[in-house]
N, C-alpha and C. Protein backbone atom coordinates (compact mmCIF):
# COMPACT_ATOMS: atom_id res chain seq x y z
N MET A 1 0.83 -1.15 0.01
CA MET A 1 -0.02 -0.02 0.03
C MET A 1 0.72 1.14 -0.02
N LYS A 2 1.95 1.08 0.80
CA LYS A 2 2.77 2.28 0.90
C LYS A 2 3.50 2.74 -0.25
N GLU A 3 3.83 1.42 -1.09
CA GLU A 3 4.28 1.73 -2.57
C GLU A 3 3.46 2.35 -3.41
N MET A 4 2.13 1.99 -3.44
CA MET A 4 1.14 2.46 -4.18
C MET A 4 1.00 3.83 -3.95
N ILE A 5 0.94 4.40 -2.67
CA ILE A 5 0.84 5.95 -2.38
C ILE A 5 2.12 6.50 -2.92
N GLU A 6 3.12 6.19 -2.97
CA GLU A 6 4.21 6.75 -3.22
C GLU A 6 4.35 6.87 -4.93
N TYR A 7 4.00 5.88 -5.23
CA TYR A 7 3.73 5.86 -6.99
C TYR A 7 2.76 6.99 -7.28
N LEU A 8 1.76 7.06 -6.79
CA LEU A 8 0.88 7.94 -7.17
C LEU A 8 1.30 9.47 -6.81
N LYS A 9 1.97 9.62 -5.56
CA LYS A 9 2.37 10.93 -5.22
C LYS A 9 3.49 11.32 -6.48
N LYS A 10 4.16 10.62 -7.03
CA LYS A 10 4.95 10.92 -8.01
C LYS A 10 4.41 11.10 -9.40
N ARG A 11 3.35 10.90 -9.52
CA ARG A 11 2.54 10.94 -10.79
C ARG A 11 1.06 11.78 -10.54
N PRO A 12 1.20 12.96 -10.21
CA PRO A 12 -0.18 13.93 -9.91
C PRO A 12 -0.92 13.86 -11.26
N GLN A 13 -0.26 13.89 -12.42
CA GLN A 13 -1.01 14.09 -13.79
C GLN A 13 -1.72 12.87 -14.06
N LEU A 14 -1.35 11.56 -13.42
CA LEU A 14 -2.16 10.20 -13.67
C LEU A 14 -3.60 10.45 -12.82
N ILE A 15 -3.50 10.90 -11.65
CA ILE A 15 -4.34 11.16 -10.72
C ILE A 15 -5.59 12.09 -11.44
N THR A 16 -4.91 13.28 -11.73
CA THR A 16 -5.96 14.17 -12.31
C THR A 16 -6.67 13.49 -13.73
N THR A 17 -5.99 13.02 -14.53
CA THR A 17 -6.46 12.39 -15.62
C THR A 17 -7.50 11.42 -15.33
N CYS A 18 -7.23 10.43 -14.30
CA CYS A 18 -8.27 9.46 -13.87
C CYS A 18 -9.43 10.16 -13.31
N VAL A 19 -9.42 11.04 -12.74
CA VAL A 19 -10.34 11.78 -12.12
C VAL A 19 -11.29 12.52 -13.14
N MET A 20 -10.71 13.14 -14.07
CA MET A 20 -11.37 13.89 -15.32
C MET A 20 -12.10 12.79 -15.86
N LEU A 21 -11.34 11.69 -16.20
CA LEU A 21 -12.12 10.54 -17.36
C LEU A 21 -13.10 9.98 -16.47
N THR A 22 -13.15 10.03 -15.25
CA THR A 22 -14.42 9.23 -14.36
C THR A 22 -15.44 10.40 -14.47
N GLY A 23 -15.21 11.52 -14.17
CA GLY A 23 -16.06 12.62 -14.24
C GLY A 23 -16.90 12.91 -15.77
N LEU A 24 -16.17 12.76 -16.58
CA LEU A 24 -16.54 12.67 -17.95
C LEU A 24 -17.65 11.59 -18.20
N ALA A 25 -17.03 10.24 -17.76
CA ALA A 25 -18.17 9.30 -17.94
C ALA A 25 -19.25 9.19 -17.18
N ILE A 26 -19.28 9.97 -16.16
CA ILE A 26 -20.35 10.02 -15.18
C ILE A 26 -21.49 11.00 -15.91
N LEU A 27 -20.80 12.16 -16.52
CA LEU A 27 -21.48 13.29 -17.10
C LEU A 27 -22.12 12.61 -18.28
N LEU A 28 -21.63 11.78 -18.83
CA LEU A 28 -21.96 11.10 -20.28
C LEU A 28 -23.11 10.24 -20.07
N TRP A 29 -22.86 9.40 -18.97
CA TRP A 29 -24.00 8.30 -18.50
C TRP A 29 -25.21 9.28 -17.99
N SER A 30 -25.05 10.22 -17.39
CA SER A 30 -26.13 11.06 -16.93
C SER A 30 -27.05 11.72 -18.07
N LEU A 31 -26.15 12.25 -19.11
CA LEU A 31 -26.96 12.80 -20.08
C LEU A 31 -27.74 11.98 -20.96
N SER A 32 -27.21 10.64 -21.07
CA SER A 32 -27.69 9.48 -21.81
C SER A 32 -28.96 8.79 -21.13
N VAL A 33 -29.18 9.01 -19.99
CA VAL A 33 -30.32 8.47 -19.13
C VAL A 33 -31.59 9.04 -19.24
N ASP A 34 -32.76 8.42 -19.65
CA ASP A 34 -33.96 8.95 -19.81
C ASP A 34 -34.55 9.72 -18.36
N THR A 35 -34.70 10.89 -18.26
CA THR A 35 -35.16 11.75 -17.08
C THR A 35 -36.43 11.91 -17.00
N ALA A 36 -37.28 11.55 -17.92
CA ALA A 36 -38.83 11.59 -17.96
C ALA A 36 -39.45 11.17 -16.75
N HIS A 37 -38.92 10.04 -16.28
CA HIS A 37 -39.35 9.61 -15.04
C HIS A 37 -38.80 9.64 -13.67
N GLY A 38 -38.06 10.79 -13.58
CA GLY A 38 -37.60 11.36 -12.51
C GLY A 38 -38.72 11.54 -11.45
N HIS A 39 -38.32 11.26 -10.02
CA HIS A 39 -39.10 11.59 -9.18
C HIS A 39 -39.41 12.95 -8.55
N SER A 40 -38.49 13.85 -8.99
CA SER A 40 -38.59 15.14 -8.33
C SER A 40 -38.05 15.98 -9.63
N TRP A 41 -38.20 17.34 -9.24
CA TRP A 41 -37.94 18.42 -10.27
C TRP A 41 -36.47 18.34 -10.46
N LEU A 42 -35.71 18.16 -9.45
CA LEU A 42 -34.16 18.03 -9.42
C LEU A 42 -33.57 17.15 -10.39
N GLU A 43 -34.27 15.67 -10.38
CA GLU A 43 -34.02 14.59 -11.10
C GLU A 43 -34.19 14.76 -12.58
N ARG A 44 -35.26 15.77 -12.85
CA ARG A 44 -35.64 16.02 -14.11
C ARG A 44 -34.97 16.95 -14.93
N HIS A 45 -34.33 17.84 -14.20
CA HIS A 45 -33.94 19.17 -14.83
C HIS A 45 -32.32 19.30 -14.57
N ILE A 46 -31.92 18.67 -13.78
CA ILE A 46 -30.42 18.56 -13.51
C ILE A 46 -29.52 17.48 -13.97
N PRO A 47 -28.87 17.56 -15.10
CA PRO A 47 -28.09 16.46 -15.51
C PRO A 47 -27.21 16.01 -14.34
N GLY A 48 -27.02 14.65 -14.04
CA GLY A 48 -25.90 14.26 -12.86
C GLY A 48 -26.41 14.74 -11.40
N PHE A 49 -27.54 14.92 -11.59
CA PHE A 49 -28.14 15.46 -9.87
C PHE A 49 -27.35 14.37 -8.97
N TRP A 50 -27.56 13.07 -8.93
CA TRP A 50 -27.26 12.42 -7.94
C TRP A 50 -25.83 12.33 -7.78
N SER A 51 -25.00 12.36 -8.92
CA SER A 51 -23.64 12.30 -8.84
C SER A 51 -23.01 13.55 -8.08
N LEU A 52 -23.76 14.99 -8.51
CA LEU A 52 -23.38 16.10 -7.88
C LEU A 52 -23.81 16.08 -6.09
N PHE A 53 -25.06 15.59 -6.02
CA PHE A 53 -25.56 15.31 -4.52
C PHE A 53 -24.55 14.65 -3.76
N GLY A 54 -23.88 13.37 -4.39
CA GLY A 54 -23.07 12.40 -3.81
C GLY A 54 -21.66 13.27 -3.62
N ILE A 55 -21.20 13.90 -4.49
CA ILE A 55 -19.89 14.72 -4.21
C ILE A 55 -19.85 15.64 -3.06
N ILE A 56 -21.12 16.48 -3.26
CA ILE A 56 -21.25 17.55 -2.25
C ILE A 56 -21.31 16.85 -0.87
N SER A 57 -22.20 15.79 -0.94
CA SER A 57 -22.23 15.34 0.54
C SER A 57 -21.08 14.60 1.18
N CYS A 58 -20.12 14.26 0.06
CA CYS A 58 -18.93 13.84 0.61
C CYS A 58 -17.94 14.81 1.09
N ILE A 59 -17.94 15.88 0.33
CA ILE A 59 -17.20 17.14 0.78
C ILE A 59 -17.83 17.70 2.13
N VAL A 60 -18.94 17.61 2.24
CA VAL A 60 -19.48 18.40 3.67
C VAL A 60 -19.10 17.32 4.84
N LEU A 61 -19.26 16.12 4.33
CA LEU A 61 -18.86 15.20 5.43
C LEU A 61 -17.38 15.23 6.01
N ILE A 62 -16.53 15.35 4.98
CA ILE A 62 -15.18 15.48 5.31
C ILE A 62 -14.87 16.84 6.24
N PHE A 63 -15.64 18.00 5.62
CA PHE A 63 -15.34 19.19 6.56
C PHE A 63 -15.96 19.03 7.99
N VAL A 64 -17.16 18.33 8.14
CA VAL A 64 -18.01 18.28 9.39
C VAL A 64 -16.92 17.35 10.40
N ALA A 65 -16.46 16.18 9.73
CA ALA A 65 -15.34 15.37 10.51
C ALA A 65 -14.29 16.16 10.75
N ARG A 66 -13.69 17.01 10.13
CA ARG A 66 -12.37 17.64 10.66
C ARG A 66 -12.93 18.54 11.65
N TRP A 67 -13.82 19.44 11.62
CA TRP A 67 -14.28 20.27 12.48
C TRP A 67 -14.70 19.32 13.87
N PHE A 68 -15.33 18.34 13.68
CA PHE A 68 -15.62 17.61 15.00
C PHE A 68 -14.39 17.02 15.67
N SER A 69 -13.31 16.54 14.80
CA SER A 69 -12.04 16.41 15.22
C SER A 69 -11.32 17.27 16.15
N SER A 70 -11.43 18.56 15.63
CA SER A 70 -10.70 19.52 16.21
C SER A 70 -11.49 20.17 17.46
N THR A 71 -12.68 19.69 17.71
CA THR A 71 -13.42 20.04 19.10
C THR A 71 -12.97 19.28 20.27
N GLY A 72 -11.83 18.50 20.21
CA GLY A 72 -11.27 17.70 21.40
C GLY A 72 -10.86 16.14 21.23
N ILE A 73 -11.61 15.79 20.30
CA ILE A 73 -11.31 14.24 19.96
C ILE A 73 -9.83 14.00 19.53
N GLU A 74 -9.36 15.11 18.59
CA GLU A 74 -7.90 14.73 18.00
C GLU A 74 -7.07 15.13 19.10
N ARG A 75 -5.92 14.40 19.42
CA ARG A 75 -4.94 14.77 20.31
C ARG A 75 -3.77 15.08 19.58
N GLU A 76 -2.57 15.79 20.40
CA GLU A 76 -1.66 16.25 19.72
C GLU A 76 -0.54 14.95 19.54
N GLU A 77 0.43 15.33 18.59
CA GLU A 77 1.23 14.05 18.37
C GLU A 77 1.89 13.26 19.32
N ASP A 78 2.22 14.19 20.61
CA ASP A 78 3.17 13.41 21.65
C ASP A 78 2.06 13.40 22.78
N TYR A 79 0.98 13.01 22.43
CA TYR A 79 0.11 12.86 23.78
C TYR A 79 0.39 11.69 24.56
N TYR A 80 0.76 10.60 24.02
CA TYR A 80 1.09 9.40 24.57
C TYR A 80 2.37 9.09 24.99
N ASP A 81 3.28 10.19 24.80
CA ASP A 81 4.77 9.98 24.89
C ASP A 81 5.07 10.57 26.31
N ASP A 82 5.26 9.66 27.19
CA ASP A 82 5.56 10.11 28.65
C ASP A 82 7.08 10.05 28.85
């Protein structure tokens, strides 16, 4: 696992390309799906609504978790060093 992380750190262009291709594939799939039977206005009028909803939810979850950890759960690096 450590080797894979080092490999990816050395190749940021590869990560960017993979993310862009995945996003493009999701967008193309969303545009090709029939939205006439959407359950809500958002599903019918915003292409890729559930993809956008998912990524925004993940980002919000990350920020909430970081805020929550800074309120006292997270300890200093030398907390257990006595």
